N, C-alpha and C. Protein backbone atom coordinates (compact mmCIF):
# COMPACT_ATOMS: atom_id res chain seq x y z
N MET A 1 0.74 -1.04 -0.37
CA MET A 1 -0.09 -0.40 -0.10
C MET A 1 0.81 1.22 -0.16
N ILE A 2 0.38 1.82 -1.00
CA ILE A 2 1.43 3.25 -0.71
C ILE A 2 0.72 4.40 0.06
N ALA A 3 1.99 4.78 0.82
CA ALA A 3 2.12 5.75 1.91
C ALA A 3 1.45 7.14 1.29
N LEU A 4 0.35 8.02 1.98
CA LEU A 4 0.25 9.13 1.20
C LEU A 4 -0.02 10.00 2.57
N PRO A 5 -0.01 11.45 1.98
CA PRO A 5 0.37 12.13 3.12
C PRO A 5 -1.08 12.63 3.69
N GLU A 6 -1.31 12.72 5.31
CA GLU A 6 -2.69 12.41 5.79
C GLU A 6 -3.51 13.57 5.04
N LYS A 7 -3.31 14.76 4.71
CA LYS A 7 -4.21 15.80 4.28
C LYS A 7 -4.88 14.50 2.96
N LEU A 8 -3.84 14.32 2.05
CA LEU A 8 -4.57 13.66 0.48
C LEU A 8 -5.34 12.48 0.94
N ARG A 9 -4.85 11.96 1.83
CA ARG A 9 -5.90 10.37 2.57
C ARG A 9 -7.31 11.16 3.31
N LYS A 10 -7.20 12.33 3.46
CA LYS A 10 -8.30 12.41 3.51
C LYS A 10 -9.50 13.09 2.95
N ILE A 11 -8.92 13.49 2.28
CA ILE A 11 -9.21 14.05 1.02
C ILE A 11 -9.94 12.99 -0.23
N LEU A 12 -9.16 11.91 -0.19
CA LEU A 12 -9.71 10.90 -1.00
C LEU A 12 -10.48 9.97 -0.28
N GLU A 13 -10.43 9.92 1.13
CA GLU A 13 -11.57 8.91 1.73
C GLU A 13 -13.07 9.61 1.95
N LYS A 14 -13.22 11.48 1.80
CA LYS A 14 -14.17 11.89 1.55
C LYS A 14 -14.85 11.90 -0.02
N THR A 15 -13.57 12.14 -0.77
CA THR A 15 -14.21 11.81 -2.43
C THR A 15 -15.13 10.30 -2.31
N VAL A 16 -14.24 9.16 -1.80
CA VAL A 16 -15.00 7.88 -1.93
C VAL A 16 -16.24 8.25 -1.40
N LYS A 17 -16.41 8.71 -0.29
CA LYS A 17 -17.87 8.45 0.55
C LYS A 17 -18.85 9.53 -0.18
N GLU A 18 -18.35 10.72 -0.81
CA GLU A 18 -19.04 11.62 -1.45
C GLU A 18 -19.36 10.24 -2.86
N LEU A 19 -18.63 10.01 -3.41
CA LEU A 19 -19.05 8.97 -4.57
C LEU A 19 -19.95 7.95 -4.29
N ALA A 20 -19.64 7.66 -3.27
CA ALA A 20 -20.78 6.32 -2.97
C ALA A 20 -22.13 6.97 -2.50
N ALA A 21 -22.19 8.32 -2.03
CA ALA A 21 -23.16 9.02 -1.67
C ALA A 21 -24.37 9.30 -2.95
N LEU A 22 -23.27 9.46 -3.91
CA LEU A 22 -23.62 10.00 -5.36
C LEU A 22 -24.43 8.12 -6.37
N LYS A 23 -23.87 7.60 -6.18
CA LYS A 23 -24.22 6.52 -6.57
C LYS A 23 -25.52 5.87 -5.75
N ASN A 24 -25.65 5.94 -4.59
CA ASN A 24 -26.73 5.66 -4.13
C ASN A 24 -28.29 6.42 -4.72
N ILE A 25 -27.81 8.03 -4.83
CA ILE A 25 -29.04 8.93 -5.48
C ILE A 25 -28.86 8.38 -6.67
N LEU A 26 -28.15 8.02 -7.20
CA LEU A 26 -28.56 7.85 -8.91
C LEU A 26 -29.27 6.82 -9.14
N LEU A 27 -28.55 5.91 -8.39
CA LEU A 27 -29.69 4.70 -8.07
C LEU A 27 -30.96 4.71 -7.71
N ASP A 28 -31.39 5.68 -6.68
CA ASP A 28 -32.62 6.04 -6.47
C ASP A 28 -33.15 6.63 -7.87
N ILE A 29 -32.97 7.67 -8.47
CA ILE A 29 -33.56 8.31 -9.65
C ILE A 29 -33.59 7.16 -10.62
N VAL A 30 -33.01 6.44 -10.65
CA VAL A 30 -33.04 5.31 -11.94
C VAL A 30 -34.22 4.44 -11.53
N GLU A 31 -34.39 4.32 -10.50
CA GLU A 31 -35.58 3.49 -9.72
C GLU A 31 -36.60 4.27 -10.08
N ASN A 32 -36.58 5.21 -9.47
CA ASN A 32 -38.34 6.14 -9.90
C ASN A 32 -38.04 6.25 -11.45
N TYR A 33 -37.30 6.50 -11.91
CA TYR A 33 -37.63 6.90 -13.67
C TYR A 33 -38.23 5.39 -13.87
N VAL A 34 -37.23 4.41 -13.84
CA VAL A 34 -37.86 3.32 -14.28
C VAL A 34 -39.92 3.02 -14.11
N TRP A 35 -39.76 3.16 -13.03
CA TRP A 35 -41.14 3.04 -12.22
C TRP A 35 -42.20 3.97 -13.08
N LEU A 36 -41.87 4.79 -13.18
CA LEU A 36 -42.24 5.95 -14.41
C LEU A 36 -42.76 5.52 -15.48
N LYS A 37 -41.75 5.19 -16.35
CA LYS A 37 -41.52 4.67 -17.41
C LYS A 37 -42.49 3.59 -17.66
N THR A 38 -42.20 2.77 -16.75
CA THR A 38 -43.21 1.67 -17.06
C THR A 38 -44.94 1.90 -16.49
N SER A 39 -44.87 2.75 -15.77
CA SER A 39 -46.09 2.78 -15.44
C SER A 39 -46.61 3.77 -16.05
N ILE A 40 -46.28 4.84 -17.37
CA ILE A 40 -46.75 5.23 -18.40
C ILE A 40 -46.72 4.27 -19.48
N ASP A 41 -46.23 3.77 -19.82
CA ASP A 41 -46.00 2.47 -21.19
C ASP A 41 -46.65 1.09 -20.15
N LYS A 42 -47.45 1.12 -19.11
CA LYS A 42 -47.98 0.24 -19.05
C LYS A 42 -47.43 -1.12 -19.32
N ILE A 43 -45.82 -1.09 -18.59
CA ILE A 43 -45.45 -2.66 -18.71
C ILE A 43 -44.75 -3.35 -17.15
N LYS A 44 -44.79 -3.84 -17.35
CA LYS A 44 -44.16 -5.30 -15.83
C LYS A 44 -43.18 -4.85 -15.61
N LYS A 45 -42.48 -4.09 -14.18
CA LYS A 45 -41.04 -3.79 -14.14
C LYS A 45 -40.54 -5.19 -13.11
N ASP A 46 -39.28 -5.20 -13.01
CA ASP A 46 -38.85 -6.38 -12.12
C ASP A 46 -37.26 -5.56 -11.08
N ASN A 47 -38.11 -5.12 -10.07
CA ASN A 47 -36.91 -4.31 -9.50
C ASN A 47 -35.64 -5.32 -8.92
N THR A 48 -35.78 -6.69 -8.77
CA THR A 48 -34.50 -6.91 -9.04
C THR A 48 -33.67 -7.00 -10.34
N THR A 49 -34.06 -6.99 -11.22
CA THR A 49 -33.32 -7.19 -12.11
C THR A 49 -33.73 -4.85 -12.84
N LEU A 50 -33.07 -4.35 -11.97
CA LEU A 50 -33.82 -3.15 -12.48
C LEU A 50 -32.63 -2.48 -13.82
N ILE A 51 -31.98 -2.96 -13.52
CA ILE A 51 -30.84 -2.54 -14.94
C ILE A 51 -31.76 -3.29 -16.55
N ARG A 52 -32.07 -4.27 -16.14
CA ARG A 52 -32.84 -4.83 -17.78
C ARG A 52 -34.01 -4.49 -17.74
N SER A 53 -34.47 -3.55 -16.97
CA SER A 53 -35.92 -3.16 -17.57
C SER A 53 -35.57 -1.94 -18.06
N LEU A 54 -34.10 -1.16 -17.20
CA LEU A 54 -34.36 -0.12 -18.03
C LEU A 54 -33.33 -0.32 -19.51
N GLU A 55 -33.01 -1.34 -19.51
CA GLU A 55 -32.41 -1.52 -21.14
C GLU A 55 -33.29 -2.16 -21.77
N ARG A 56 -34.63 -2.61 -21.57
CA ARG A 56 -35.57 -3.02 -22.06
C ARG A 56 -36.54 -1.38 -22.53
N LEU A 57 -36.91 -0.52 -21.62
CA LEU A 57 -36.85 0.60 -21.79
C LEU A 57 -36.77 1.69 -22.65
N GLU A 58 -35.13 1.39 -22.60
CA GLU A 58 -34.63 2.55 -22.96
C GLU A 58 -33.45 2.29 -24.33
N GLY A 59 -33.56 0.73 -24.35
CA GLY A 59 -32.75 0.17 -25.67
C GLY A 59 -31.25 0.24 -24.93
N LYS A 60 -30.30 0.53 -26.13
CA LYS A 60 -29.16 1.04 -25.12
C LYS A 60 -28.54 2.38 -25.96
N ASN A 61 -29.39 3.34 -25.56
CA ASN A 61 -28.92 4.76 -25.94
C ASN A 61 -28.63 4.99 -24.84
N SER A 62 -27.84 6.54 -24.83
CA SER A 62 -27.09 7.16 -24.10
C SER A 62 -27.30 7.46 -22.31
N ASN A 63 -28.55 7.30 -22.26
CA ASN A 63 -29.09 7.28 -20.79
C ASN A 63 -28.43 5.63 -20.32
N TYR A 64 -29.17 4.54 -20.79
CA TYR A 64 -28.76 3.65 -20.47
C TYR A 64 -26.86 3.42 -20.36
N ARG A 65 -26.45 3.94 -21.50
CA ARG A 65 -25.06 3.45 -21.48
C ARG A 65 -24.20 4.43 -20.16
N ASN A 66 -25.18 5.85 -20.10
CA ASN A 66 -24.11 6.72 -19.28
C ASN A 66 -24.39 6.36 -17.53
N ILE A 67 -25.79 5.27 -17.19
CA ILE A 67 -25.59 5.25 -16.34
C ILE A 67 -25.21 3.60 -15.61
N THR A 68 -25.03 2.90 -16.48
CA THR A 68 -24.17 1.68 -16.58
C THR A 68 -22.89 1.90 -16.34
N THR A 69 -22.21 2.75 -17.05
CA THR A 69 -20.98 2.83 -16.88
C THR A 69 -20.62 4.02 -15.00
N PHE A 70 -21.36 4.61 -15.07
CA PHE A 70 -21.38 5.39 -13.62
C PHE A 70 -21.70 4.42 -12.49
N LEU A 71 -22.10 3.54 -13.02
CA LEU A 71 -22.55 2.60 -11.52
C LEU A 71 -21.67 0.92 -11.38
N GLU A 72 -20.63 1.55 -12.58
CA GLU A 72 -19.77 0.26 -13.03
C GLU A 72 -19.93 -0.46 -13.37
N LEU A 73 -21.13 -1.18 -14.40
CA LEU A 73 -21.67 -2.16 -14.74
C LEU A 73 -21.22 -2.61 -15.84
N CYS A 74 -20.39 -2.09 -16.46
CA CYS A 74 -19.69 -2.35 -18.11
C CYS A 74 -18.89 -3.40 -17.75
N THR A 75 -17.92 -3.59 -16.74
CA THR A 75 -16.75 -4.12 -16.44
C THR A 75 -17.31 -5.41 -15.93
N THR A 76 -18.66 -5.28 -15.50
CA THR A 76 -18.80 -6.98 -15.00
C THR A 76 -19.34 -7.90 -15.86
N ASP A 77 -19.36 -9.13 -16.07
CA ASP A 77 -19.45 -10.17 -16.61
C ASP A 77 -20.73 -11.20 -16.30
N ARG A 78 -20.75 -11.86 -16.94
CA ARG A 78 -22.38 -12.51 -17.39
C ARG A 78 -22.27 -13.64 -15.73
N ALA A 79 -21.12 -14.52 -15.80
CA ALA A 79 -20.91 -14.72 -14.81
C ALA A 79 -20.93 -14.52 -13.12
N THR A 80 -19.74 -13.56 -13.29
CA THR A 80 -19.98 -12.84 -11.91
C THR A 80 -21.51 -12.06 -11.76
N ALA A 81 -22.36 -11.50 -12.54
CA ALA A 81 -23.39 -11.03 -12.21
C ALA A 81 -24.47 -12.81 -11.69
N ALA A 82 -24.21 -13.31 -12.56
CA ALA A 82 -25.39 -14.26 -12.21
C ALA A 82 -24.86 -15.16 -11.00
N GLU A 83 -23.87 -14.80 -10.65
CA GLU A 83 -23.13 -15.63 -9.35
C GLU A 83 -23.88 -14.51 -7.81
N GLU A 84 -23.69 -13.31 -8.38
CA GLU A 84 -24.13 -12.11 -7.51
C GLU A 84 -25.61 -12.41 -7.25
N ILE A 85 -26.56 -12.23 -8.62
CA ILE A 85 -27.87 -12.40 -8.44
C ILE A 85 -28.34 -13.53 -7.93
N ASP A 86 -27.67 -14.85 -7.88
CA ASP A 86 -28.09 -16.11 -7.36
C ASP A 86 -28.00 -15.82 -5.70
N LYS A 87 -26.75 -15.17 -5.04
CA LYS A 87 -26.48 -14.80 -3.86
C LYS A 87 -27.74 -14.06 -3.34
N THR A 88 -28.02 -12.72 -4.06
CA THR A 88 -29.03 -12.19 -3.43
C THR A 88 -30.44 -12.58 -3.15
N ARG A 89 -30.81 -13.61 -4.20
CA ARG A 89 -32.01 -14.43 -4.20
C ARG A 89 -31.85 -15.40 -2.93
N LYS A 90 -31.09 -16.11 -2.86
CA LYS A 90 -30.85 -17.14 -1.67
C LYS A 90 -30.81 -16.25 -0.51
N ALA A 91 -30.18 -14.93 -0.02
CA ALA A 91 -30.83 -14.20 0.74
C ALA A 91 -31.83 -13.34 1.08
N MET A 92 -32.52 -13.10 -0.05
CA MET A 92 -34.05 -12.75 -0.09
C MET A 92 -35.23 -13.63 0.41
N LEU A 93 -34.34 -15.06 -0.32
CA LEU A 93 -35.21 -16.25 0.69
C LEU A 93 -35.00 -16.38 1.81
N ARG A 94 -33.98 -16.35 2.89
CA ARG A 94 -33.64 -16.73 3.85
C ARG A 94 -34.59 -15.62 5.02
N VAL A 95 -34.21 -14.26 4.33
CA VAL A 95 -35.11 -13.17 4.77
C VAL A 95 -36.49 -13.30 4.66
N ARG A 96 -37.01 -13.84 3.92
CA ARG A 96 -38.41 -13.88 3.56
C ARG A 96 -38.73 -15.18 4.60
N ARG A 97 -38.14 -16.16 4.66
CA ARG A 97 -38.45 -17.47 5.59
C ARG A 97 -38.62 -16.83 7.10
N ASP A 98 -37.28 -16.52 7.22
CA ASP A 98 -36.73 -16.24 9.07
C ASP A 98 -38.04 -15.06 9.51
N ARG A 99 -38.65 -14.18 8.29
CA ARG A 99 -39.68 -13.41 8.45
C ARG A 99 -40.96 -13.76 8.90
N LYS A 100 -41.10 -14.84 8.39
CA LYS A 100 -42.17 -15.66 8.28
C LYS A 100 -42.25 -16.62 10.04
N VAL A 101 -41.39 -17.06 10.41
CA VAL A 101 -40.94 -17.12 11.06
C VAL A 101 -41.22 -16.36 12.41
N LEU A 102 -40.25 -15.32 12.55
CA LEU A 102 -40.87 -14.17 13.56
C LEU A 102 -42.17 -13.98 13.65
N ILE A 103 -42.45 -13.72 12.68
CA ILE A 103 -44.36 -13.47 12.73
C ILE A 103 -45.05 -14.80 13.23
N LYS A 104 -44.30 -15.64 12.64
CA LYS A 104 -45.82 -16.92 13.74
C LYS A 104 -45.64 -16.85 14.80
N ASN A 105 -43.85 -16.91 15.40
CA ASN A 105 -44.01 -16.77 16.45
C ASN A 105 -44.58 -15.64 17.75
N HIS A 106 -44.54 -14.46 16.88
CA HIS A 106 -44.98 -13.55 17.65
C HIS A 106 -46.91 -13.51 17.52
N LEU A 107 -47.09 -14.05 16.60
CA LEU A 107 -48.87 -14.38 16.54
C LEU A 107 -49.05 -15.54 17.70
N LEU A 108 -48.58 -16.49 18.04
CA LEU A 108 -48.34 -17.60 18.99
C LEU A 108 -48.41 -17.23 20.25
N LYS A 109 -47.47 -15.88 20.34
CA LYS A 109 -47.12 -15.50 22.25
C LYS A 109 -48.37 -14.65 22.11
N SER A 110 -48.85 -14.19 21.03
CA SER A 110 -50.07 -12.55 21.40
C SER A 110 -51.21 -13.57 22.19
């Protein structure tokens, strides 16, 4: 690891945090845009594959390319993406299952 002057390290840390915040804001904007566009066009959307929904709506125009570039999705290959989607689905199923158990246990105690 390269040793950086303290002032530069703090600036870099702040920049990284701000970039992460910008990515979260952009993701919210994209999510809302896809919701609006699918509502207007009366198309079913899938939040788990938001970028695929955006691609279907926009095609490969500049909005789609700019969004995928900013979110660093252009460098992700299909195998890695499929693996991450599978992990996410398993986690969602586990959370839903645990939620059902918690609800059932709470209702039994009531």
